[in-house]
């Protein structure tokens, strides 16, 4: 298959160079049949490219017929508005099938048509056009689908024809399809919950996602940018987890969602992390493993983007990486896959010289990065995991002693980071308790300390400057403000401090009789409650008027009035956390088994000596 693509690409290149248009006379007659001059072309290109004449004739005829089909389709589209779509079916002998349709049908109607015509189960397929999942509710035109668009069909089932006929297996398959769709919805829900959660929450009781640099330390990112980045990285991790299981059909939609969210991040941010480059590699790899590279028109562009991003993040000669991590042996696996995919792309485009250059570069890297199983075993005897062993051996060029030292040092660095984080949490808890002892709620204390980078004095002022935080209440069943009875003694105490009766009574009512908070607030605002705390003419408090607006996305995402909904949200979050690897360099831990097989396959096509 790959060899045929290569030869057709070479023939197409020759035709372009010679300015030959096979769909026009003398190569095609009025009846659209092949002209006599085709025989001369067959002989010419067969000799030039050293291809069997019969194969040359068949491929030229295939190119000619496709050109005629395309030309006829173009004319038909201009006159009738009926577009031709190229449907790429999953793992079929005849994979590329034309389909004619108007562009005003919905995505659901297109999916139904494809399923009916090709004996596929409608709910078991996903459709990708222009690197996006087809929206079933919108028309093709609204989604930017054009004449001659490439339509990739992903099949989310893996049973053979015989098994499918069995009713029992059909039911099982339906259940599996529902599970896949439900899982995608749970992933989306879980990621949105985690992306909305604020850092002021207690990570020991309410998990949230943090962004760390290459040494494992948290980095500061503006909230909106962080949300997009968390969503992007979350979808990417989910896709990678599925790629490890070789479930590429299910993984690809997650990767495309990740790409969409990465595009919402600033260029400056994307230039500082290698995640975006790794995602581009993973998307192209998925298309390749699904044998659908033809559907990815910008595969070459994605690989070039990845290469540029690696250079910006690591340095032209990996100097930034060496400065941060001491070596760049682990990251070489990314370049191996990059060179391999670039070589495959060149080969499929008929550029044999460039293909040979890149595939040989990948082959040399493979030889360099192959791990001796005995060395992994020796490190495992020292108590290290296989993953730690592989990564360290690549970083240390196979030296077992150096690898053991590297793992030990890295473990100590991570332990030190954990100790520092625990110390920060202890200090934070002490500061929260200090503010609570002054009458402020736990959430108000958390928000204030987060916004003031843990400065207790500034946190106190922050709460007073943001009086809505004073309305926070840790009581699970608070008494309504208009029902709260203020004691005369409390009013007298505030009046003794110099505040008016009206202000004193109102402050005590709003702050549920807390004299300490009432006095501090009135003093801070010159003896009068700020507008955001004042009671309305009807007697209701601002907290009651804005109950719905006060609930932050964090609270709505993190809790629910229904225990069932809360359990579902917890399950959704836990599913995300399960797919996030413990080791921060998990994405660099490739066994290279797939790469080895593909390298050998393509080296045999381009006929170069293997190392």
Protein backbone atom coordinates (compact mmCIF):
# COMPACT_ATOMS: atom_id res chain seq x y z
CA UNK A 1 0.00 0.00 0.00
CA UNK A 2 2.74 2.45 0.98
CA UNK A 3 4.79 1.50 -2.11
CA UNK A 4 1.84 2.09 -4.43
CA UNK A 5 1.25 5.53 -2.89
CA UNK A 6 4.91 6.32 -3.43
CA UNK A 7 4.83 5.25 -7.12
CA UNK A 8 1.60 7.17 -7.82
CA UNK A 9 3.16 10.23 -6.20
CA UNK A 10 6.26 9.82 -8.45
CA UNK A 11 4.09 9.46 -11.58
CA UNK A 12 2.00 12.49 -10.60
CA UNK A 13 5.21 14.49 -10.12
CA UNK A 14 6.47 13.44 -13.58
CA UNK A 15 3.16 14.42 -15.19
CA UNK A 16 3.31 17.81 -13.48
CA UNK A 17 6.91 18.38 -14.60
CA UNK A 18 6.02 17.48 -18.20
CA UNK A 19 2.83 19.59 -18.00
CA UNK A 20 0.68 16.65 -19.06
CA UNK A 21 -3.05 16.77 -18.32
CA UNK A 22 -4.37 13.24 -18.62
CA UNK A 23 -8.04 14.29 -18.57
CA UNK A 24 -7.63 16.28 -21.81
CA UNK A 25 -6.96 15.18 -25.43
CA UNK A 26 -4.94 13.44 -26.72
CA UNK A 27 -4.81 11.30 -23.55
CA UNK A 28 -8.61 11.23 -23.14
CA UNK A 29 -11.02 11.13 -26.10
CA UNK A 30 -14.57 12.49 -26.39
CA UNK A 31 -15.97 9.31 -24.87
CA UNK A 32 -13.64 9.83 -21.90
CA UNK A 33 -11.71 6.72 -22.80
CA UNK A 34 -7.90 6.48 -22.79
CA UNK A 35 -6.29 7.79 -26.00
CA UNK A 36 -3.58 5.96 -27.96
CA UNK A 37 -0.93 8.36 -26.68
CA UNK A 38 -1.27 6.77 -23.25
CA UNK A 39 0.79 3.81 -24.53
CA UNK A 40 3.73 6.12 -25.21
CA UNK A 41 3.45 7.59 -21.72
CA UNK A 42 3.43 4.12 -20.18
CA UNK A 43 6.65 3.18 -21.97
CA UNK A 44 8.31 6.50 -21.16
CA UNK A 45 7.58 6.49 -17.42
CA UNK A 46 8.06 2.76 -17.03
CA UNK A 47 11.61 3.18 -18.33
CA UNK A 48 12.26 6.43 -16.43
CA UNK A 49 11.07 5.14 -13.04
CA UNK A 50 12.08 1.50 -13.56
CA UNK A 51 8.51 0.24 -13.00
CA UNK A 52 6.82 -2.74 -14.63
CA UNK A 53 4.86 -1.57 -17.73
CA UNK A 54 1.65 -3.24 -16.64
CA UNK A 55 1.82 -1.57 -13.20
CA UNK A 56 2.65 1.78 -14.82
CA UNK A 57 -0.35 1.48 -17.14
CA UNK A 58 -2.72 0.63 -14.27
CA UNK A 59 -1.51 3.50 -12.12
CA UNK A 60 -1.64 6.06 -14.94
CA UNK A 61 -5.17 4.92 -15.75
CA UNK A 62 -6.11 5.32 -12.07
CA UNK A 63 -4.69 8.86 -12.06
CA UNK A 64 -6.54 9.66 -15.33
CA UNK A 65 -9.90 8.33 -14.09
CA UNK A 66 -9.65 10.21 -10.81
CA UNK A 67 -8.82 13.43 -12.67
CA UNK A 68 -11.88 12.98 -14.90
CA UNK A 69 -14.08 12.22 -11.88
CA UNK A 70 -12.79 15.32 -10.15
CA UNK A 71 -13.36 17.49 -13.23
CA UNK A 72 -16.87 16.13 -13.74
CA UNK A 73 -17.62 16.65 -10.07
CA UNK A 74 -16.37 20.25 -10.21
CA UNK A 75 -18.62 21.04 -13.18
CA UNK A 76 -21.56 19.31 -11.54
CA UNK A 77 -21.03 21.27 -8.31
CA UNK A 78 -21.01 24.58 -10.18
CA UNK A 79 -24.29 23.76 -11.93
CA UNK A 80 -26.27 21.84 -9.29
CA UNK A 81 -24.58 22.62 -5.97
CA UNK A 82 -24.14 18.90 -5.34
CA UNK A 83 -20.76 18.42 -3.68
CA UNK A 84 -18.53 15.38 -3.91
CA UNK A 85 -16.98 14.15 -0.67
CA UNK A 86 -14.18 11.59 -0.45
CA UNK A 87 -15.16 9.11 2.26
CA UNK A 88 -12.23 7.29 3.87
CA UNK A 89 -13.63 4.15 5.47
CA UNK A 90 -11.97 2.32 8.37
CA UNK A 91 -9.81 -0.66 7.48
CA UNK A 92 -11.53 -1.62 4.21
CA UNK A 93 -9.98 -2.90 1.01
CA UNK A 94 -11.64 -0.15 -1.00
CA UNK A 95 -11.15 2.65 1.48
CA UNK A 96 -11.73 5.86 -0.48
CA UNK A 97 -15.33 6.07 -1.71
CA UNK A 98 -16.94 9.13 -3.36
CA UNK A 99 -20.25 10.40 -1.99
CA UNK A 100 -22.43 13.07 -3.56
CA UNK A 101 -24.58 15.32 -1.40
CA UNK A 102 -25.71 18.90 -0.95
CA UNK A 103 -24.01 20.81 1.85
CA UNK A 104 -27.24 21.80 3.57
CA UNK A 105 -27.80 18.44 5.25
CA UNK A 106 -26.89 18.09 8.93
CA UNK A 107 -23.96 16.13 10.30
CA UNK A 108 -26.43 13.55 11.61
CA UNK A 109 -27.91 13.06 8.13
CA UNK A 110 -24.44 12.59 6.62
CA UNK A 111 -23.52 10.07 9.31
CA UNK A 112 -26.77 8.18 8.69
CA UNK A 113 -26.15 8.12 4.93
CA UNK A 114 -22.59 6.81 5.32
CA UNK A 115 -23.73 4.17 7.82
CA UNK A 116 -26.53 2.92 5.54
CA UNK A 117 -24.45 2.82 2.36
CA UNK A 118 -21.50 0.98 3.94
CA UNK A 119 -23.24 -1.33 6.43
CA UNK A 120 -21.93 0.49 9.49
CA UNK A 121 -23.75 1.02 12.76
CA UNK A 122 -24.69 4.69 12.92
CA UNK A 123 -24.04 5.14 16.64
CA UNK A 124 -20.71 3.30 16.39
CA UNK A 125 -18.96 5.74 14.03
CA UNK A 126 -17.45 9.17 14.44
CA UNK A 127 -16.72 11.47 11.53
CA UNK A 128 -13.68 13.76 11.28
CA UNK A 129 -13.54 16.57 8.68
CA UNK A 130 -10.85 19.26 8.65
CA UNK A 131 -9.36 17.78 11.85
CA UNK A 132 -12.63 18.37 13.74
CA UNK A 133 -15.38 16.05 14.88
CA UNK A 134 -18.51 16.57 12.83
CA UNK A 135 -21.23 18.39 14.75
CA UNK A 136 -24.38 16.31 14.24
CA UNK A 137 -26.73 19.26 14.79
CA UNK A 138 -25.23 21.72 12.30
CA UNK A 139 -25.28 21.69 8.48
CA UNK A 140 -22.16 20.75 6.55
CA UNK A 141 -21.93 24.26 5.11
CA UNK A 142 -22.08 25.85 8.58
CA UNK A 143 -19.14 23.65 9.60
CA UNK A 144 -16.97 24.75 6.69
CA UNK A 145 -17.31 21.50 4.71
CA UNK A 146 -16.61 22.15 1.03
CA UNK A 147 -16.69 20.34 -2.29
CA UNK A 148 -13.97 17.63 -2.52
CA UNK A 149 -13.56 17.55 1.28
CA UNK A 150 -11.97 14.48 2.84
CA UNK A 151 -14.21 12.68 5.31
CA UNK A 152 -12.56 10.30 7.77
CA UNK A 153 -14.79 7.66 9.37
CA UNK A 154 -13.72 6.23 12.73
CA UNK A 155 -15.32 2.95 13.79
CA UNK A 156 -15.58 2.49 17.56
CA UNK A 157 -16.03 -1.28 17.45
CA UNK A 158 -13.65 -4.15 17.03
CA UNK A 159 -15.59 -7.39 16.45
CA UNK A 160 -15.46 -9.55 13.31
CA UNK A 161 -18.35 -10.07 10.88
CA UNK A 162 -19.29 -13.45 12.22
CA UNK A 163 -19.58 -12.25 15.81
CA UNK A 164 -21.60 -9.21 14.74
CA UNK A 165 -24.36 -11.44 13.42
CA UNK A 166 -25.02 -12.85 16.85
CA UNK A 167 -27.75 -11.08 18.78
CA UNK A 168 -25.87 -11.53 22.00
CA UNK A 169 -22.78 -9.83 20.54
CA UNK A 170 -24.94 -7.05 19.09
CA UNK A 171 -26.24 -6.25 22.56
CA UNK A 172 -22.72 -6.30 23.96
CA UNK A 173 -21.57 -3.98 21.17
CA UNK A 174 -24.40 -1.53 21.85
CA UNK A 175 -23.41 -1.49 25.50
CA UNK A 176 -19.78 -0.85 24.55
CA UNK A 177 -20.73 2.03 22.24
CA UNK A 178 -22.79 3.60 25.00
CA UNK A 179 -19.89 3.17 27.43
CA UNK A 180 -17.52 4.92 25.00
CA UNK A 181 -19.89 7.87 24.50
CA UNK A 182 -20.63 8.09 28.24
CA UNK A 183 -16.92 8.00 28.98
CA UNK A 184 -16.25 10.89 26.59
CA UNK A 185 -18.99 12.91 28.29
CA UNK A 186 -17.58 12.09 31.74
CA UNK A 187 -14.10 13.11 30.58
CA UNK A 188 -15.44 16.44 29.37
CA UNK A 189 -17.32 16.98 32.64
CA UNK A 190 -14.35 15.95 34.80
CA UNK A 191 -11.92 18.22 32.95
CA UNK A 192 -14.29 21.18 33.16
CA UNK A 193 -14.65 20.65 36.92
CA UNK A 194 -10.88 20.46 37.40
CA UNK A 195 -10.24 23.45 35.13
CA UNK A 196 -12.71 25.59 37.10
CA UNK A 197 -11.39 24.64 40.53
CA UNK A 198 -9.42 27.35 42.23
CA UNK A 199 -6.00 26.87 43.79
CA UNK A 200 -7.21 28.15 47.15
CA UNK A 201 -9.10 24.87 47.71
CA UNK A 202 -7.49 22.28 49.95
CA UNK A 203 -5.73 19.81 47.60
CA UNK A 204 -5.83 17.10 50.28
CA UNK A 205 -9.63 17.02 50.23
CA UNK A 206 -10.52 18.58 46.84
CA UNK A 207 -8.12 17.60 44.03
CA UNK A 208 -7.27 20.09 41.31
CA UNK A 209 -4.79 20.11 38.43
CA UNK A 210 -1.61 22.13 38.75
CA UNK A 211 0.85 23.07 36.01
CA UNK A 212 4.50 22.33 36.75
CA UNK A 213 7.76 23.03 34.91
CA UNK A 214 10.31 20.42 33.78
CA UNK A 215 11.75 20.18 37.29
CA UNK A 216 8.34 19.43 38.84
CA UNK A 217 7.77 22.83 40.49
CA UNK A 218 4.48 24.70 40.07
CA UNK A 219 4.48 27.66 37.70
CA UNK A 220 2.28 30.75 37.85
CA UNK A 221 -0.12 31.15 34.92
CA UNK A 222 -2.98 33.68 34.59
CA UNK A 223 -6.35 32.03 35.49
CA UNK A 224 -7.95 32.17 32.01
CA UNK A 225 -4.82 30.87 30.28
CA UNK A 226 -4.48 28.18 32.92
CA UNK A 227 -8.05 26.97 32.34
CA UNK A 228 -7.43 26.53 28.59
CA UNK A 229 -4.09 24.84 29.28
CA UNK A 230 -5.59 22.45 31.86
CA UNK A 231 -8.34 21.44 29.43
CA UNK A 232 -5.85 20.96 26.60
CA UNK A 233 -3.41 18.92 28.69
CA UNK A 234 -6.26 16.90 30.24
CA UNK A 235 -7.68 15.86 26.87
CA UNK A 236 -4.15 15.11 25.68
CA UNK A 237 -3.43 12.82 28.64
CA UNK A 238 -6.71 10.99 28.04
CA UNK A 239 -5.82 10.52 24.37
CA UNK A 240 -2.31 9.32 25.27
CA UNK A 241 -3.70 6.79 27.74
CA UNK A 242 -5.82 5.33 24.92
CA UNK A 243 -2.89 5.40 22.48
CA UNK A 244 -0.91 3.25 24.91
CA UNK A 245 -3.67 0.66 24.60
CA UNK A 246 -3.49 1.09 20.80
CA UNK A 247 -7.10 2.29 20.77
CA UNK A 248 -6.35 4.93 18.15
CA UNK A 249 -9.94 5.29 16.90
CA UNK A 250 -11.08 6.38 20.37
CA UNK A 251 -7.92 8.37 21.14
CA UNK A 252 -8.04 10.66 18.08
CA UNK A 253 -11.15 12.68 19.06
CA UNK A 254 -9.56 13.44 22.46
CA UNK A 255 -6.35 14.61 20.77
CA UNK A 256 -8.28 16.87 18.38
CA UNK A 257 -10.16 18.37 21.35
CA UNK A 258 -6.79 18.99 23.02
CA UNK A 259 -5.55 20.74 19.86
CA UNK A 260 -8.63 23.00 19.90
CA UNK A 261 -7.99 24.06 23.52
CA UNK A 262 -4.25 24.57 22.95
CA UNK A 263 -5.17 27.02 20.19
CA UNK A 264 -6.94 29.13 22.84
CA UNK A 265 -3.62 29.57 24.67
CA UNK A 266 -1.31 32.47 23.86
CA UNK A 267 1.55 31.93 21.41
CA UNK A 268 3.96 33.05 24.12
CA UNK A 269 2.74 30.26 26.41
CA UNK A 270 2.91 27.60 23.69
CA UNK A 271 6.48 28.62 22.92
CA UNK A 272 7.58 27.85 26.47
CA UNK A 273 6.19 24.30 26.85
CA UNK A 274 6.80 21.22 24.73
CA UNK A 275 3.29 19.81 25.29
CA UNK A 276 1.94 21.38 22.09
CA UNK A 277 4.76 19.90 20.01
CA UNK A 278 4.20 16.43 21.52
CA UNK A 279 0.47 16.72 20.74
CA UNK A 280 1.19 17.48 17.06
CA UNK A 281 3.33 14.33 16.91
CA UNK A 282 0.62 12.27 18.60
CA UNK A 283 -2.09 13.47 16.19
CA UNK A 284 -0.02 12.61 13.11
CA UNK A 285 0.98 9.27 14.66
CA UNK A 286 -2.70 8.45 15.29
CA UNK A 287 -3.67 9.20 11.68
CA UNK A 288 -0.74 7.08 10.49
CA UNK A 289 -1.61 4.10 12.70
CA UNK A 290 -5.21 4.34 11.48
CA UNK A 291 -3.80 4.25 7.91
CA UNK A 292 -5.56 7.56 7.21
CA UNK A 293 -2.67 9.98 6.62
CA UNK A 294 -4.39 11.01 3.38
CA UNK A 295 -7.11 12.64 5.49
CA UNK A 296 -4.60 14.90 7.25
CA UNK A 297 -3.73 17.50 4.63
CA UNK A 298 -1.47 19.44 6.97
CA UNK A 299 0.51 16.52 8.43
CA UNK A 300 3.74 18.06 7.11
CA UNK A 301 2.81 21.42 8.64
CA UNK A 302 2.05 19.81 12.02
CA UNK A 303 5.41 18.05 12.03
CA UNK A 304 7.21 21.28 11.11
CA UNK A 305 5.34 23.05 13.93
CA UNK A 306 6.46 20.33 16.34
CA UNK A 307 10.08 20.66 15.20
CA UNK A 308 10.09 24.46 15.63
CA UNK A 309 8.42 24.18 19.03
CA UNK A 310 11.03 21.64 20.21
CA UNK A 311 13.81 23.98 19.08
CA UNK A 312 12.29 26.94 20.96
CA UNK A 313 11.72 24.90 24.14
CA UNK A 314 14.97 22.92 24.12
CA UNK A 315 17.30 25.30 22.28
CA UNK A 316 18.77 24.85 18.79
CA UNK A 317 21.32 22.36 20.15
CA UNK A 318 19.31 21.28 23.21
CA UNK A 319 21.31 23.71 25.37
CA UNK A 320 18.28 24.81 27.40
CA UNK A 321 17.38 21.18 28.08
CA UNK A 322 20.94 20.34 29.16
CA UNK A 323 20.96 23.39 31.42
CA UNK A 324 17.69 22.36 33.11
CA UNK A 325 17.98 18.55 33.18
CA UNK A 326 21.68 17.88 32.62
CA UNK A 327 21.12 15.83 29.42
CA UNK A 328 18.74 15.41 26.52
CA UNK A 329 18.90 11.65 25.95
CA UNK A 330 15.31 11.11 27.11
CA UNK A 331 13.86 13.66 24.67
CA UNK A 332 15.56 11.97 21.71
CA UNK A 333 12.65 9.53 21.45
CA UNK A 334 10.48 12.46 20.35
CA UNK A 335 12.92 13.30 17.57
CA UNK A 336 13.03 9.65 16.53
CA UNK A 337 9.26 9.64 16.04
CA UNK A 338 9.39 13.08 14.39
CA UNK A 339 12.03 11.99 11.84
CA UNK A 340 10.19 8.73 11.19
CA UNK A 341 6.89 10.49 10.46
CA UNK A 342 8.64 13.09 8.31
CA UNK A 343 10.31 10.30 6.35
CA UNK A 344 7.00 8.50 5.85
CA UNK A 345 5.42 11.75 4.67
CA UNK A 346 8.21 12.29 2.13
CA UNK A 347 7.90 8.70 0.92
CA UNK A 348 4.13 8.96 0.41
CA UNK A 349 4.75 12.17 -1.57
CA UNK A 350 7.22 10.44 -3.89
CA UNK A 351 10.35 12.13 -2.48
CA UNK A 352 12.57 9.08 -2.06
CA UNK A 353 15.81 10.96 -1.34
CA UNK A 354 14.29 12.98 1.51
CA UNK A 355 12.45 9.89 2.78
CA UNK A 356 15.71 7.93 2.93
CA UNK A 357 17.45 10.77 4.77
CA UNK A 358 14.82 11.07 7.53
CA UNK A 359 14.13 7.35 7.96
CA UNK A 360 17.87 6.68 8.25
CA UNK A 361 18.09 9.43 10.90
CA UNK A 362 15.28 7.69 12.78
CA UNK A 363 17.05 4.34 12.36
CA UNK A 364 20.31 5.71 13.80
CA UNK A 365 18.44 7.18 16.77
CA UNK A 366 16.69 3.85 17.31
CA UNK A 367 20.05 2.07 17.52
CA UNK A 368 21.26 4.70 19.99
CA UNK A 369 18.15 4.58 22.16
CA UNK A 370 17.56 0.83 22.25
CA UNK A 371 17.79 -0.37 25.83
CA UNK A 372 19.61 -3.53 26.90
CA UNK A 373 16.99 -5.54 28.91
CA UNK A 374 19.78 -6.84 31.16
CA UNK A 375 20.60 -3.27 32.26
CA UNK A 376 16.94 -2.61 33.06
CA UNK A 377 16.91 -5.81 35.13
CA UNK A 378 20.06 -4.78 37.02
CA UNK A 379 18.46 -1.45 37.92
CA UNK A 380 15.23 -3.19 38.97
CA UNK A 381 17.27 -5.20 41.48
CA UNK A 382 18.19 -1.88 43.09
CA UNK A 383 14.49 -1.13 43.61
CA UNK A 384 13.89 1.09 40.58
CA UNK A 385 10.89 0.72 38.23
CA UNK A 386 11.29 -0.29 34.57
CA UNK A 387 10.12 3.17 33.53
CA UNK A 388 12.70 4.90 35.74
CA UNK A 389 15.36 2.54 34.39
CA UNK A 390 14.56 3.17 30.71
CA UNK A 391 14.45 6.94 31.10
CA UNK A 392 17.65 7.08 33.14
CA UNK A 393 19.60 4.74 30.84
CA UNK A 394 18.70 6.90 27.84
CA UNK A 395 19.70 10.03 29.72
CA UNK A 396 23.04 8.43 30.72
CA UNK A 397 23.81 6.76 27.36
CA UNK A 398 23.37 3.28 28.81
CA UNK A 399 25.68 3.68 31.83
CA UNK A 400 24.03 1.71 34.65
CA UNK A 401 25.95 3.36 37.51
CA UNK A 402 25.21 6.88 36.26
CA UNK A 403 21.57 5.91 35.68
CA UNK A 404 21.21 4.66 39.27
CA UNK A 405 22.68 7.93 40.59
CA UNK A 406 20.36 9.96 38.35
CA UNK A 407 17.25 8.11 39.58
CA UNK A 408 18.35 8.46 43.22
CA UNK A 409 19.00 12.19 42.82
CA UNK A 410 15.70 12.73 41.03
CA UNK A 411 13.81 10.87 43.74
CA UNK A 412 15.44 13.10 46.37
CA UNK A 413 14.57 16.25 44.38
CA UNK A 414 10.93 15.15 44.19
CA UNK A 415 10.91 14.29 47.88
CA UNK A 416 12.30 17.77 48.65
CA UNK A 417 9.57 19.38 46.52
CA UNK A 418 6.95 17.35 48.41
CA UNK A 419 8.43 18.43 51.76
CA UNK A 420 8.32 22.07 50.67
CA UNK A 421 4.72 21.68 49.52
CA UNK A 422 3.73 20.06 52.83
CA UNK A 423 5.42 22.90 54.74
CA UNK A 424 3.52 25.45 52.62
CA UNK A 425 0.25 23.62 53.30
CA UNK A 426 0.92 23.56 57.05
CA UNK A 427 1.66 27.31 57.07
CA UNK A 428 -1.41 27.96 54.96
CA UNK A 429 -3.59 25.96 57.35
CA UNK A 430 -2.22 27.93 60.31
CA UNK A 431 -2.96 31.23 58.53
CA UNK A 432 -6.48 30.07 57.65
CA UNK A 433 -7.12 29.18 61.29
CA UNK A 434 -5.77 32.59 62.39
CA UNK A 435 -8.25 34.37 60.09
CA UNK A 436 -11.06 32.06 61.20
CA UNK A 437 -10.31 32.94 64.84
CA UNK A 438 -10.88 36.57 63.85
CA UNK A 439 -14.40 35.69 62.66
CA UNK A 440 -13.84 35.20 58.94
CA UNK A 441 -15.13 32.11 57.12
CA UNK A 442 -12.80 29.38 55.89
CA UNK A 443 -13.52 30.14 52.24
CA UNK A 444 -12.93 33.87 52.72
CA UNK A 445 -9.60 33.05 54.36
CA UNK A 446 -8.65 30.67 51.52
CA UNK A 447 -9.51 33.20 48.79
CA UNK A 448 -7.72 36.07 50.56
CA UNK A 449 -4.52 34.11 51.21
CA UNK A 450 -4.47 32.85 47.62
CA UNK A 451 -4.82 36.36 46.21
CA UNK A 452 -2.13 37.78 48.49
CA UNK A 453 0.42 34.96 47.98
CA UNK A 454 0.04 33.85 51.59
CA UNK A 455 0.70 37.24 53.24
CA UNK A 456 -1.47 37.22 56.37
CA UNK A 457 -1.53 41.01 56.91
CA UNK A 458 -2.47 41.67 53.30
CA UNK A 459 -5.08 38.87 53.40
CA UNK A 460 -6.82 40.64 56.30
CA UNK A 461 -6.95 43.88 54.27
CA UNK A 462 -8.02 41.97 51.12
CA UNK A 463 -11.14 40.66 52.89
CA UNK A 464 -12.12 44.13 54.06
CA UNK A 465 -11.51 45.55 50.57
CA UNK A 466 -13.74 42.81 49.11
CA UNK A 467 -16.73 42.90 51.50
CA UNK A 468 -18.66 40.23 49.60
CA UNK A 469 -16.25 37.76 51.23
CA UNK A 470 -17.69 38.77 54.61
CA UNK A 471 -20.98 37.19 53.54
CA UNK A 472 -19.34 33.76 53.32
CA UNK A 473 -20.59 31.51 56.08
CA UNK A 474 -19.21 28.13 57.15
CA UNK A 475 -22.54 27.27 58.83
CA UNK A 476 -24.37 24.55 56.89
CA UNK A 477 -27.79 25.91 57.98
CA UNK A 478 -27.46 29.65 58.40
CA UNK A 479 -30.33 31.74 59.75
CA UNK A 480 -31.81 34.14 57.18
CA UNK A 481 -30.61 37.74 57.70
CA UNK A 482 -34.11 39.19 58.07
CA UNK A 483 -34.85 36.60 60.77
CA UNK A 484 -31.65 37.21 62.75
CA UNK A 485 -32.32 38.90 66.05
CA UNK A 486 -29.69 41.48 67.03
CA UNK A 487 -29.22 41.94 70.77
CA UNK A 488 -29.47 45.41 72.27
CA UNK A 489 -26.23 44.78 74.14
CA UNK A 490 -24.32 44.28 70.87
CA UNK A 491 -25.81 47.45 69.41
CA UNK A 492 -24.82 49.37 72.52
CA UNK A 493 -21.23 48.10 72.28
CA UNK A 494 -20.89 49.39 68.69
CA UNK A 495 -22.55 52.69 69.57
CA UNK A 496 -20.06 53.04 72.46
CA UNK A 497 -17.30 52.75 69.81
CA UNK A 498 -18.80 55.75 68.02
CA UNK A 499 -20.96 54.16 65.32
CA UNK A 500 -24.56 55.25 64.69
CA UNK A 501 -27.44 53.05 65.85
CA UNK A 502 -28.63 52.48 62.26
CA UNK A 503 -25.17 51.41 61.01
CA UNK A 504 -24.54 49.27 64.08
CA UNK A 505 -27.85 47.42 63.77
CA UNK A 506 -27.48 46.90 60.04
CA UNK A 507 -23.88 45.64 60.33
CA UNK A 508 -24.79 43.21 63.11
CA UNK A 509 -27.77 41.91 61.12
CA UNK A 510 -25.75 41.35 57.94
CA UNK A 511 -22.81 39.81 59.83
CA UNK A 512 -25.03 37.64 62.05
CA UNK A 513 -24.13 39.35 65.33
CA UNK A 514 -20.33 39.12 64.92
CA UNK A 515 -19.25 42.26 66.80
CA UNK A 516 -15.59 41.87 65.81
CA UNK A 517 -16.39 41.77 62.06
CA UNK A 518 -19.01 44.49 62.35
CA UNK A 519 -16.63 46.91 64.11
CA UNK A 520 -13.75 46.22 61.72
CA UNK A 521 -15.97 46.64 58.66
CA UNK A 522 -17.59 49.85 59.87
CA UNK A 523 -14.20 51.28 60.87
CA UNK A 524 -12.71 50.35 57.48
CA UNK A 525 -15.54 52.08 55.59
CA UNK A 526 -15.84 55.21 57.74
CA UNK A 527 -18.78 54.13 59.89
CA UNK A 528 -21.10 53.10 57.04
CA UNK A 529 -21.55 49.66 55.49
CA UNK A 530 -20.44 49.47 51.83
CA UNK A 531 -23.27 49.30 49.31
CA UNK A 532 -22.61 45.62 48.61
CA UNK A 533 -23.43 44.77 52.25
CA UNK A 534 -26.36 47.08 52.89
CA UNK A 535 -29.84 45.62 53.41
CA UNK A 536 -32.40 46.23 50.70
CA UNK A 537 -35.62 48.10 51.52
CA UNK A 538 -37.43 44.75 51.77
CA UNK A 539 -35.11 43.66 54.55
CA UNK A 540 -33.31 40.92 52.63
CA UNK A 541 -29.54 40.75 52.70
CA UNK A 542 -27.26 41.03 49.67
CA UNK A 543 -26.33 37.38 50.14
CA UNK A 544 -29.97 36.34 49.69
CA UNK A 545 -30.43 38.56 46.64
CA UNK A 546 -27.38 37.18 44.90
CA UNK A 547 -27.46 33.55 45.96
CA UNK A 548 -27.43 32.35 42.38
CA UNK A 549 -24.81 34.82 41.19
CA UNK A 550 -22.57 34.31 44.22
CA UNK A 551 -22.05 30.63 43.46
CA UNK A 552 -18.77 30.50 41.61
CA UNK A 553 -18.08 28.02 38.80
CA UNK A 554 -15.85 26.33 41.34
CA UNK A 555 -18.69 25.73 43.75
CA UNK A 556 -21.15 24.64 41.09
CA UNK A 557 -18.54 22.35 39.61
CA UNK A 558 -17.35 21.00 42.93
CA UNK A 559 -20.65 20.31 44.69
CA UNK A 560 -24.29 19.64 44.03
CA UNK A 561 -27.57 19.57 45.93
CA UNK A 562 -28.11 16.07 44.66
CA UNK A 563 -25.89 13.39 46.23
CA UNK A 564 -26.23 11.38 43.00
CA UNK A 565 -24.92 14.27 40.90
CA UNK A 566 -22.09 14.82 43.38
CA UNK A 567 -21.11 11.15 43.16
CA UNK A 568 -21.14 11.34 39.36
CA UNK A 569 -18.93 14.41 39.42
CA UNK A 570 -16.51 12.70 41.81
CA UNK A 571 -16.38 9.66 39.49
CA UNK A 572 -15.75 11.90 36.48
CA UNK A 573 -12.86 13.65 38.25
CA UNK A 574 -11.39 10.35 39.44
CA UNK A 575 -11.44 8.96 35.89
CA UNK A 576 -9.35 11.93 34.75
CA UNK A 577 -6.91 11.55 37.61
CA UNK A 578 -6.47 7.83 36.84
CA UNK A 579 -5.22 8.68 33.34
CA UNK A 580 -2.67 11.24 34.54
CA UNK A 581 0.64 9.36 34.89
CA UNK A 582 2.56 9.55 38.16
CA UNK A 583 5.90 10.06 36.42
CA UNK A 584 6.27 13.52 34.88
CA UNK A 585 8.31 12.09 31.98
CA UNK A 586 5.86 9.32 31.10
CA UNK A 587 5.43 10.82 27.61
CA UNK A 588 9.15 10.16 26.96
CA UNK A 589 8.97 6.51 27.98
CA UNK A 590 8.44 4.86 24.59
CA UNK A 591 9.38 1.20 24.27
CA UNK A 592 10.06 1.85 20.53
CA UNK A 593 8.64 -1.55 19.54
CA UNK A 594 6.23 -0.02 17.00
CA UNK A 595 8.90 2.35 15.72
CA UNK A 596 11.36 -0.52 15.16
CA UNK A 597 8.88 -2.43 13.01
CA UNK A 598 7.93 0.64 10.93
CA UNK A 599 11.57 1.68 10.42
CA UNK A 600 12.44 -1.76 9.05
CA UNK A 601 9.37 -1.75 6.80
CA UNK A 602 10.15 1.63 5.21
CA UNK A 603 13.88 0.96 4.95
CA UNK A 604 12.97 -2.05 2.81
CA UNK A 605 10.92 0.21 0.52
CA UNK A 606 13.66 2.75 -0.07
CA UNK A 607 16.35 0.07 -0.43
CA UNK A 608 19.08 1.48 1.74
CA UNK A 609 21.46 -0.56 3.87
CA UNK A 610 20.22 -1.01 7.44
CA UNK A 611 22.54 -0.29 10.32
